[in-house]
Amino acid sequence: MLLVVRTVAKERGSCVFCVCRYLRERFGGEEVNVEHKKKENRSETGFLTNMADYLDRYEGEDIYMVSPLTPAMQREWLLPQLLLCGGFTQNLIFSYAWYNNHTIVDLLSHPGLVSVPWHRAVVWPGDCLFLPHLWIHHVTSRGRNLGVNLWLSAFMYDSEDCSAEEELPDFAPLSDYHLVPELQLKQGLLTHADDNGLVYASEVHLALSMRQGMEDLQLEAVVQIFESLKPGCQGQLRSSEIHSLPVESFVSAFRSFMSTVHPEEEDEWGDEGGEWGEGGWEGGGEEDWGYSELGDEWEEEEEEGGGGFPHDHQPHEEL
């Protein structure tokens, strides 16, 4: 289901993100990723520029920004209290900013959308929208908008954590917590769990080998993921076992897998990606390393934007 939490971010300073002058003054030199056309099309490549250049070009060119929040932005982006307990902050994968004005869906190109059951949600500045994993969605913006998306791995909600005696702050900066891209492995495996909660290496391999560029993937490479997570599991894991594994297990297994699949990029999975230290996850967390690499095939669809926390004077209409 869709869940909208109203005005959760409206009372605090996050709303200054909607002011172009503020973005230019605070983050004008920050590098951001920009894509062509004001709708998401993952078959096209974008380009890197800085925030100031993007703001200069946005009004006159058919471009939009979809970029990870930089460390400087994370320090000013506030998480509401409802996300500060229960396990949310231990399962953060990515945080992206979207700055655009989306268009309508072309039903001539996508006629099948006419028969798809849909839900409608209107999201105003300061609202938070929860969108379930792998739900195809379309966003219509009545004017310019800036939204921030938080990507979470599936996890077992810890209600006791939220009932602890320690009083939580109303808000906390995102920079207080760690983004761990390797947790996309956890999410991808759980996506393939059957009705009995079992995940098989053969099923994961079949799904992956159907993806462009992964046709030559060997079953052994996927089996090795399972063995890394649970030695002797013989290519089979229970979803409960996946949920119980520590973060560092997914970090190690994901890096090993990516080094096997993309050996030419092996350096990317080295120390620069961050490491698990005494204080938790240290460094890394900025790169998008292909979230759906181990997930379903939703990425083949043309997807329009994302919700999260929109900021500006116009609403999002999300289907």
Protein backbone atom coordinates (compact mmCIF):
# COMPACT_ATOMS: atom_id res chain seq x y z
CA MET A 1 0.00 0.00 0.00
CA LEU A 2 0.92 3.65 -0.28
CA LEU A 3 1.49 5.57 2.93
CA VAL A 4 1.64 9.37 3.14
CA VAL A 5 2.84 11.07 6.32
CA ARG A 6 1.80 14.71 6.21
CA THR A 7 4.06 17.70 7.02
CA VAL A 8 6.72 15.48 8.57
CA ALA A 9 9.54 17.67 7.21
CA LYS A 10 7.74 20.98 6.99
CA GLU A 11 8.55 22.41 10.39
CA ARG A 12 12.32 22.33 10.10
CA GLY A 13 15.01 23.92 8.00
CA SER A 14 14.88 21.32 5.24
CA CYS A 15 12.40 23.46 3.34
CA VAL A 16 15.15 25.92 2.46
CA PHE A 17 16.23 23.33 -0.10
CA CYS A 18 13.48 24.64 -2.37
CA VAL A 19 15.21 28.01 -2.77
CA CYS A 20 17.51 28.14 -5.80
CA ARG A 21 19.62 30.87 -4.27
CA TYR A 22 20.20 28.76 -1.18
CA LEU A 23 21.18 25.75 -3.29
CA ARG A 24 23.59 27.88 -5.27
CA GLU A 25 25.18 29.48 -2.20
CA ARG A 26 25.45 26.33 -0.09
CA PHE A 27 26.05 23.65 -2.70
CA GLY A 28 26.94 25.44 -5.94
CA GLY A 29 30.28 23.66 -6.19
CA GLU A 30 28.92 20.19 -5.38
CA GLU A 31 29.11 17.67 -8.21
CA VAL A 32 25.71 16.32 -9.30
CA ASN A 33 24.48 13.87 -11.93
CA VAL A 34 22.18 15.31 -14.60
CA GLU A 35 20.12 13.39 -17.14
CA HIS A 36 18.62 14.44 -20.45
CA LYS A 37 14.86 15.01 -20.73
CA LYS A 38 12.71 15.71 -17.70
CA LYS A 39 11.74 12.10 -17.16
CA GLU A 40 13.77 9.09 -16.17
CA ASN A 41 15.02 6.86 -18.98
CA ARG A 42 17.71 4.47 -17.83
CA SER A 43 18.76 3.60 -21.40
CA GLU A 44 20.27 7.07 -21.80
CA THR A 45 23.45 8.30 -20.17
CA GLY A 46 23.66 11.54 -18.23
CA PHE A 47 26.53 13.83 -17.41
CA LEU A 48 28.25 15.32 -14.38
CA THR A 49 28.27 19.01 -13.57
CA ASN A 50 28.02 21.18 -10.47
CA MET A 51 24.88 22.43 -8.79
CA ALA A 52 25.39 26.05 -9.90
CA ASP A 53 25.73 25.05 -13.56
CA TYR A 54 22.63 22.85 -13.35
CA LEU A 55 20.56 25.70 -11.89
CA ASP A 56 21.76 27.99 -14.68
CA ARG A 57 20.73 25.52 -17.38
CA TYR A 58 17.61 23.94 -15.87
CA GLU A 59 15.01 26.44 -17.08
CA GLY A 60 16.26 26.55 -20.66
CA GLU A 61 17.19 22.91 -21.31
CA ASP A 62 15.32 19.61 -21.19
CA ILE A 63 17.35 18.17 -18.31
CA TYR A 64 16.80 17.07 -14.74
CA MET A 65 18.94 16.21 -11.75
CA VAL A 66 18.94 12.81 -10.06
CA SER A 67 21.99 12.57 -7.87
CA PRO A 68 23.15 11.07 -4.56
CA LEU A 69 23.12 13.52 -1.68
CA THR A 70 26.68 14.67 -1.09
CA PRO A 71 28.10 14.60 2.47
CA ALA A 72 27.47 18.36 2.75
CA MET A 73 23.82 17.88 1.78
CA GLN A 74 23.43 14.94 4.14
CA ARG A 75 24.46 17.16 7.05
CA GLU A 76 21.50 19.43 6.35
CA TRP A 77 18.93 16.81 5.43
CA LEU A 78 16.89 15.91 8.52
CA LEU A 79 15.35 12.51 9.16
CA PRO A 80 12.06 12.62 11.11
CA GLN A 81 11.70 10.83 14.43
CA LEU A 82 9.60 8.01 12.96
CA LEU A 83 12.68 6.81 11.02
CA LEU A 84 15.12 7.00 13.92
CA CYS A 85 14.22 3.68 15.54
CA GLY A 86 13.00 0.22 14.63
CA GLY A 87 15.81 -0.58 12.21
CA PHE A 88 15.35 2.04 9.50
CA THR A 89 18.71 3.73 10.01
CA GLN A 90 20.55 0.37 9.97
CA ASN A 91 19.22 -0.44 6.49
CA LEU A 92 19.87 2.72 4.47
CA ILE A 93 21.21 2.00 0.98
CA PHE A 94 21.06 5.24 -1.01
CA SER A 95 19.76 8.78 -0.70
CA TYR A 96 18.97 10.62 -3.92
CA ALA A 97 17.82 14.13 -4.76
CA TRP A 98 15.47 14.69 -7.71
CA TYR A 99 15.04 18.21 -9.09
CA ASN A 100 12.65 18.37 -12.02
CA ASN A 101 9.19 18.96 -13.48
CA HIS A 102 7.89 15.65 -14.74
CA THR A 103 5.76 15.08 -17.82
CA ILE A 104 2.79 12.79 -18.44
CA VAL A 105 3.08 9.13 -19.42
CA ASP A 106 2.85 8.41 -23.18
CA LEU A 107 0.05 5.83 -23.34
CA LEU A 108 0.69 5.24 -27.05
CA SER A 109 4.16 3.96 -26.16
CA HIS A 110 2.94 2.14 -23.03
CA PRO A 111 -0.67 1.02 -23.79
CA GLY A 112 -0.54 -1.70 -21.15
CA LEU A 113 -0.61 0.94 -18.41
CA VAL A 114 -4.31 1.50 -19.10
CA SER A 115 -5.20 -1.85 -17.53
CA VAL A 116 -2.85 -1.61 -14.53
CA PRO A 117 -4.57 -1.18 -11.12
CA TRP A 118 -3.38 2.04 -9.55
CA HIS A 119 -3.42 4.12 -6.39
CA ARG A 120 -3.29 7.89 -6.32
CA ALA A 121 -1.54 10.05 -3.74
CA VAL A 122 -1.07 13.82 -3.74
CA VAL A 123 2.08 14.78 -1.87
CA TRP A 124 2.60 18.37 -0.72
CA PRO A 125 5.79 20.11 0.45
CA GLY A 126 7.00 18.52 3.68
CA ASP A 127 5.06 15.27 3.18
CA CYS A 128 6.71 11.84 3.18
CA LEU A 129 5.51 9.07 0.86
CA PHE A 130 6.30 5.40 1.48
CA LEU A 131 6.42 3.45 -1.79
CA PRO A 132 6.79 -0.36 -1.56
CA HIS A 133 9.78 -2.02 -3.20
CA LEU A 134 9.49 -2.60 -6.98
CA TRP A 135 6.22 -0.69 -7.36
CA ILE A 136 6.20 0.98 -10.77
CA HIS A 137 5.24 4.61 -10.28
CA HIS A 138 4.66 7.80 -12.21
CA VAL A 139 5.02 11.32 -10.83
CA THR A 140 3.29 14.40 -12.19
CA SER A 141 4.62 17.70 -10.83
CA ARG A 142 2.66 20.90 -11.13
CA GLY A 143 5.76 23.00 -11.46
CA ARG A 144 9.34 22.70 -10.25
CA ASN A 145 10.01 20.25 -7.43
CA LEU A 146 12.86 18.92 -5.37
CA GLY A 147 12.39 15.53 -3.74
CA VAL A 148 14.74 13.37 -1.68
CA ASN A 149 14.43 9.60 -1.81
CA LEU A 150 15.71 7.19 0.83
CA TRP A 151 16.29 3.64 -0.42
CA LEU A 152 15.97 1.01 2.30
CA SER A 153 16.73 -2.68 2.36
CA ALA A 154 13.94 -4.90 3.66
CA PHE A 155 14.27 -5.59 7.38
CA MET A 156 12.37 -6.98 10.35
CA TYR A 157 10.89 -4.06 12.26
CA ASP A 158 12.11 -3.89 15.86
CA SER A 159 9.22 -2.50 17.89
CA GLU A 160 11.16 -2.79 21.16
CA ASP A 161 13.77 -0.39 19.82
CA CYS A 162 11.07 2.26 19.45
CA SER A 163 9.72 1.65 22.95
CA ALA A 164 13.07 2.12 24.67
CA GLU A 165 13.29 4.64 27.50
CA GLU A 166 15.82 6.79 25.66
CA GLU A 167 14.03 9.80 24.23
CA LEU A 168 14.55 10.32 20.51
CA PRO A 169 15.08 13.77 18.98
CA ASP A 170 12.38 15.14 16.72
CA PHE A 171 14.86 15.17 13.83
CA ALA A 172 18.42 14.00 13.14
CA PRO A 173 20.70 14.77 10.19
CA LEU A 174 21.17 12.01 7.64
CA SER A 175 24.94 12.39 8.09
CA ASP A 176 24.61 10.84 11.57
CA TYR A 177 23.91 7.49 9.90
CA HIS A 178 25.60 5.30 7.33
CA LEU A 179 24.51 4.59 3.76
CA VAL A 180 25.63 1.09 2.77
CA PRO A 181 25.16 0.40 -0.97
CA GLU A 182 26.18 -3.24 -0.51
CA LEU A 183 22.87 -3.84 1.28
CA GLN A 184 21.31 -3.94 -2.18
CA LEU A 185 22.52 -7.57 -2.14
CA LYS A 186 20.27 -8.27 0.84
CA GLN A 187 17.30 -6.64 -0.87
CA GLY A 188 17.97 -8.45 -4.14
CA LEU A 189 18.10 -11.87 -2.51
CA LEU A 190 14.90 -11.28 -0.53
CA THR A 191 13.15 -10.28 -3.76
CA HIS A 192 13.53 -13.88 -4.96
CA ALA A 193 12.16 -15.61 -1.85
CA ASP A 194 9.37 -18.08 -2.64
CA ASP A 195 6.13 -18.55 -0.70
CA ASN A 196 7.99 -20.65 1.87
CA GLY A 197 10.62 -17.99 2.43
CA LEU A 198 13.33 -19.91 0.57
CA VAL A 199 15.83 -18.29 -1.80
CA TYR A 200 17.62 -20.50 -4.33
CA ALA A 201 20.86 -19.65 -6.09
CA SER A 202 19.49 -21.20 -9.29
CA GLU A 203 16.52 -18.80 -9.31
CA VAL A 204 18.72 -15.78 -8.65
CA HIS A 205 21.08 -16.90 -11.41
CA LEU A 206 18.21 -17.34 -13.87
CA ALA A 207 16.92 -13.83 -13.21
CA LEU A 208 20.36 -12.26 -13.46
CA SER A 209 21.38 -14.10 -16.63
CA MET A 210 18.35 -12.63 -18.43
CA ARG A 211 19.63 -9.11 -17.92
CA GLN A 212 21.56 -7.24 -20.56
CA GLY A 213 25.29 -7.68 -20.08
CA MET A 214 24.82 -10.61 -17.67
CA GLU A 215 24.08 -13.34 -20.23
CA ASP A 216 27.38 -15.13 -19.57
CA LEU A 217 27.05 -15.12 -15.79
CA GLN A 218 27.97 -18.52 -14.36
CA LEU A 219 25.84 -20.23 -11.74
CA GLU A 220 28.98 -20.79 -9.68
CA ALA A 221 29.36 -17.02 -9.17
CA VAL A 222 25.90 -16.85 -7.60
CA VAL A 223 26.44 -20.00 -5.55
CA GLN A 224 29.57 -18.36 -4.17
CA ILE A 225 27.43 -15.50 -2.83
CA PHE A 226 25.34 -18.00 -0.90
CA GLU A 227 28.42 -19.82 0.39
CA SER A 228 29.96 -16.53 1.49
CA LEU A 229 26.85 -15.66 3.48
CA LYS A 230 26.35 -19.16 4.93
CA PRO A 231 29.06 -21.78 4.32
CA GLY A 232 27.63 -25.18 3.42
CA CYS A 233 24.16 -23.87 2.54
CA GLN A 234 24.25 -25.63 -0.87
CA GLY A 235 22.79 -22.70 -2.77
CA GLN A 236 19.76 -22.25 -0.52
CA LEU A 237 18.96 -19.64 2.13
CA ARG A 238 15.92 -18.84 4.21
CA SER A 239 14.70 -15.27 4.26
CA SER A 240 14.93 -15.36 8.07
CA GLU A 241 18.62 -16.24 7.76
CA ILE A 242 19.19 -13.37 5.35
CA HIS A 243 17.51 -10.96 7.76
CA SER A 244 19.70 -12.14 10.64
CA LEU A 245 23.05 -11.66 8.87
CA PRO A 246 25.23 -8.69 9.91
CA VAL A 247 25.85 -5.84 7.50
CA GLU A 248 29.51 -6.71 7.01
CA SER A 249 28.52 -10.10 5.57
CA PHE A 250 26.68 -8.41 2.71
CA VAL A 251 29.53 -5.93 2.22
CA SER A 252 32.04 -8.75 1.75
CA ALA A 253 29.79 -10.93 -0.43
CA PHE A 254 28.66 -8.06 -2.64
CA ARG A 255 32.18 -6.82 -3.29
CA SER A 256 33.37 -10.33 -4.10
CA PHE A 257 30.50 -10.85 -6.53
CA MET A 258 30.98 -7.52 -8.29
CA SER A 259 34.70 -8.15 -8.63
CA THR A 260 33.85 -11.45 -10.34
CA VAL A 261 31.22 -9.98 -12.65
CA HIS A 262 33.13 -6.77 -13.42
CA PRO A 263 36.82 -7.59 -12.87
CA GLU A 264 37.83 -4.51 -14.86
CA GLU A 265 36.31 -2.39 -12.07
CA GLU A 266 37.83 -4.35 -9.18
CA ASP A 267 39.45 -1.26 -7.68
CA GLU A 268 35.98 0.22 -7.15
CA TRP A 269 35.25 -2.46 -4.56
CA GLY A 270 38.42 -1.74 -2.57
CA ASP A 271 39.12 0.53 0.35
CA GLU A 272 37.65 3.58 -1.37
CA GLY A 273 34.19 2.07 -1.01
CA GLY A 274 34.36 2.34 2.77
CA GLU A 275 34.93 -0.23 5.46
CA TRP A 276 33.35 -1.64 8.59
CA GLY A 277 35.18 -0.26 11.61
CA GLU A 278 34.63 -0.12 15.34
CA GLY A 279 32.23 2.78 14.92
CA GLY A 280 30.23 1.09 12.16
CA TRP A 281 30.35 1.87 8.47
CA GLU A 282 33.09 4.33 7.62
CA GLY A 283 33.25 6.10 4.27
CA GLY A 284 31.74 5.06 0.96
CA GLY A 285 28.03 5.07 0.38
CA GLU A 286 27.94 7.65 -2.39
CA GLU A 287 28.12 5.48 -5.51
CA ASP A 288 25.11 3.88 -7.17
CA TRP A 289 26.43 0.40 -7.94
CA GLY A 290 23.31 -0.89 -9.72
CA TYR A 291 20.62 -1.32 -7.07
CA SER A 292 18.54 -3.70 -9.18
CA GLU A 293 21.55 -5.80 -10.24
CA LEU A 294 20.25 -8.57 -7.99
CA GLY A 295 16.63 -7.49 -8.01
CA ASP A 296 13.76 -7.88 -10.44
CA GLU A 297 13.56 -6.52 -14.00
CA TRP A 298 11.69 -3.34 -13.19
CA GLU A 299 14.60 -1.31 -14.48
CA GLU A 300 13.63 -2.25 -18.05
CA GLU A 301 10.56 -0.07 -17.70
CA GLU A 302 10.67 3.66 -18.17
CA GLU A 303 10.11 4.95 -14.67
CA GLU A 304 9.17 8.49 -13.83
CA GLY A 305 10.86 10.01 -10.83
CA GLY A 306 10.36 9.27 -7.18
CA GLY A 307 8.58 10.57 -4.14
CA GLY A 308 10.19 10.83 -0.73
CA PHE A 309 10.17 14.33 0.70
CA PRO A 310 9.13 16.91 -1.93
CA HIS A 311 10.04 20.54 -1.37
CA ASP A 312 8.83 23.57 -3.29
CA HIS A 313 5.52 25.29 -3.71
CA GLN A 314 3.94 22.67 -5.98
CA PRO A 315 2.54 19.22 -5.15
CA HIS A 316 3.54 15.84 -6.53
CA GLU A 317 0.79 13.60 -7.85
CA GLU A 318 1.94 10.02 -7.55
CA LEU A 319 0.30 7.04 -9.25
